[in-house]
Amino acid sequence: MREIDPGAQHAGQYANTFSAEENQQFTVQFAEITQLMADEMAAGALPTDVEVQELIRRHYDFCLTFWTPTRDAYVSLALSYVLPSPYRDAYEAVATGLGKFHYDAIVAWANENLD
């Protein structure tokens, strides 16, 4: 499995004041969420299934480490998972269709949980 570095694509947009150890922990956390999403997709889950939505809550909580996205900002981030971008490429390297699956799950979660 190819690891996705959650801060690599937009590293210049925030000041990374985390230690190397913390950054490594973030990479591990993000990879775990990503792999669990891929597993759910492979098992035939829908983006709106309870288990998938719980993973999105974990993803959102993970994002809170770095910023507090509004509904629109969170959906915009998810859009980068389907449009040509390093994020989409990274998700597609884990599993074909994972970027779109993750996007659909985020849209459903954000519409239900964020203003």
Protein backbone atom coordinates (compact mmCIF):
# COMPACT_ATOMS: atom_id res chain seq x y z
CA MET A 1 0.00 0.00 0.00
CA ARG A 2 1.31 3.44 -0.91
CA GLU A 3 1.23 5.83 2.03
CA ILE A 4 -0.45 9.20 1.62
CA ASP A 5 1.27 12.10 3.32
CA PRO A 6 -1.63 14.34 4.41
CA GLY A 7 0.50 17.46 4.50
CA ALA A 8 2.70 17.05 1.46
CA GLN A 9 0.51 18.57 -1.25
CA HIS A 10 -0.28 21.79 0.58
CA ALA A 11 2.66 21.97 2.96
CA GLY A 12 3.26 25.63 2.16
CA GLN A 13 -0.24 26.65 3.20
CA TYR A 14 0.23 26.12 6.93
CA ALA A 15 3.08 26.26 9.36
CA ASN A 16 4.03 22.71 10.28
CA THR A 17 5.23 23.07 13.84
CA PHE A 18 4.87 19.38 14.60
CA SER A 19 7.83 17.18 15.48
CA ALA A 20 9.09 14.50 13.11
CA GLU A 21 7.57 11.89 15.43
CA GLU A 22 4.17 13.64 15.36
CA ASN A 23 4.31 13.90 11.58
CA GLN A 24 5.07 10.19 11.35
CA GLN A 25 2.09 9.45 13.62
CA PHE A 26 -0.12 11.57 11.34
CA THR A 27 1.05 9.59 8.31
CA VAL A 28 0.24 6.32 10.07
CA GLN A 29 -3.20 7.56 11.20
CA PHE A 30 -4.06 8.81 7.74
CA ALA A 31 -2.89 5.60 6.08
CA GLU A 32 -5.03 3.57 8.48
CA ILE A 33 -8.18 5.58 7.74
CA THR A 34 -7.45 5.38 4.01
CA GLN A 35 -6.96 1.61 4.09
CA LEU A 36 -10.13 1.10 6.12
CA MET A 37 -12.03 3.17 3.54
CA ALA A 38 -10.59 1.01 0.77
CA ASP A 39 -11.57 -2.13 2.68
CA GLU A 40 -15.14 -0.88 3.09
CA MET A 41 -15.36 -0.03 -0.60
CA ALA A 42 -13.97 -3.44 -1.57
CA ALA A 43 -16.54 -5.12 0.68
CA GLY A 44 -19.34 -3.39 -1.24
CA ALA A 45 -20.24 -0.77 1.35
CA LEU A 46 -22.01 2.38 0.25
CA PRO A 47 -20.58 5.82 1.06
CA THR A 48 -23.59 6.42 3.32
CA ASP A 49 -23.23 3.19 5.33
CA VAL A 50 -22.76 3.67 9.06
CA GLU A 51 -19.26 2.17 9.11
CA VAL A 52 -18.10 4.41 6.26
CA GLN A 53 -19.64 7.48 7.84
CA GLU A 54 -17.80 6.68 11.08
CA LEU A 55 -14.54 6.57 9.11
CA ILE A 56 -15.38 9.98 7.66
CA ARG A 57 -15.94 11.30 11.18
CA ARG A 58 -12.46 9.97 12.02
CA HIS A 59 -11.10 11.65 8.88
CA TYR A 60 -12.73 14.95 9.82
CA ASP A 61 -11.38 14.67 13.37
CA PHE A 62 -7.96 14.02 11.87
CA CYS A 63 -8.30 17.18 9.75
CA LEU A 64 -9.07 19.15 12.92
CA THR A 65 -5.44 18.59 13.92
CA PHE A 66 -4.43 20.98 11.12
CA TRP A 67 -7.46 23.22 10.47
CA THR A 68 -11.19 23.53 11.14
CA PRO A 69 -12.97 23.17 7.81
CA THR A 70 -16.47 24.43 7.26
CA ARG A 71 -18.88 22.20 5.35
CA ASP A 72 -17.97 23.89 2.08
CA ALA A 73 -14.24 23.74 2.80
CA TYR A 74 -14.42 20.05 3.72
CA VAL A 75 -16.37 19.23 0.56
CA SER A 76 -13.86 21.29 -1.42
CA LEU A 77 -11.03 19.22 0.04
CA ALA A 78 -12.91 16.08 -0.98
CA LEU A 79 -13.28 17.45 -4.49
CA SER A 80 -9.50 17.24 -4.79
CA TYR A 81 -9.93 13.47 -4.36
CA VAL A 82 -11.78 13.23 -7.72
CA LEU A 83 -10.33 16.06 -9.80
CA PRO A 84 -6.84 15.71 -11.24
CA SER A 85 -4.58 16.26 -8.23
CA PRO A 86 -1.88 14.53 -6.20
CA TYR A 87 -4.60 13.57 -3.69
CA ARG A 88 -6.64 11.76 -6.34
CA ASP A 89 -3.54 10.03 -7.64
CA ALA A 90 -2.62 8.87 -4.14
CA TYR A 91 -6.11 7.50 -3.45
CA GLU A 92 -6.26 5.78 -6.83
CA ALA A 93 -2.88 4.15 -6.07
CA VAL A 94 -4.48 2.56 -3.00
CA ALA A 95 -7.64 1.38 -4.81
CA THR A 96 -9.28 2.28 -8.10
CA GLY A 97 -12.32 4.45 -7.39
CA LEU A 98 -11.31 5.24 -3.80
CA GLY A 99 -11.12 8.99 -4.41
CA LYS A 100 -14.73 9.11 -5.65
CA PHE A 101 -15.91 6.80 -2.88
CA HIS A 102 -14.24 9.00 -0.26
CA TYR A 103 -15.66 12.14 -1.91
CA ASP A 104 -19.21 10.77 -1.90
CA ALA A 105 -18.86 9.72 1.75
CA ILE A 106 -17.54 13.15 2.76
CA VAL A 107 -20.35 14.97 0.97
CA ALA A 108 -22.94 12.84 2.76
CA TRP A 109 -21.25 13.28 6.15
CA ALA A 110 -20.68 17.01 5.72
CA ASN A 111 -24.28 17.63 4.66
CA GLU A 112 -25.48 15.75 7.73
CA ASN A 113 -23.01 17.07 10.31
CA LEU A 114 -21.65 20.49 9.33
CA ASP A 115 -23.33 23.86 8.86
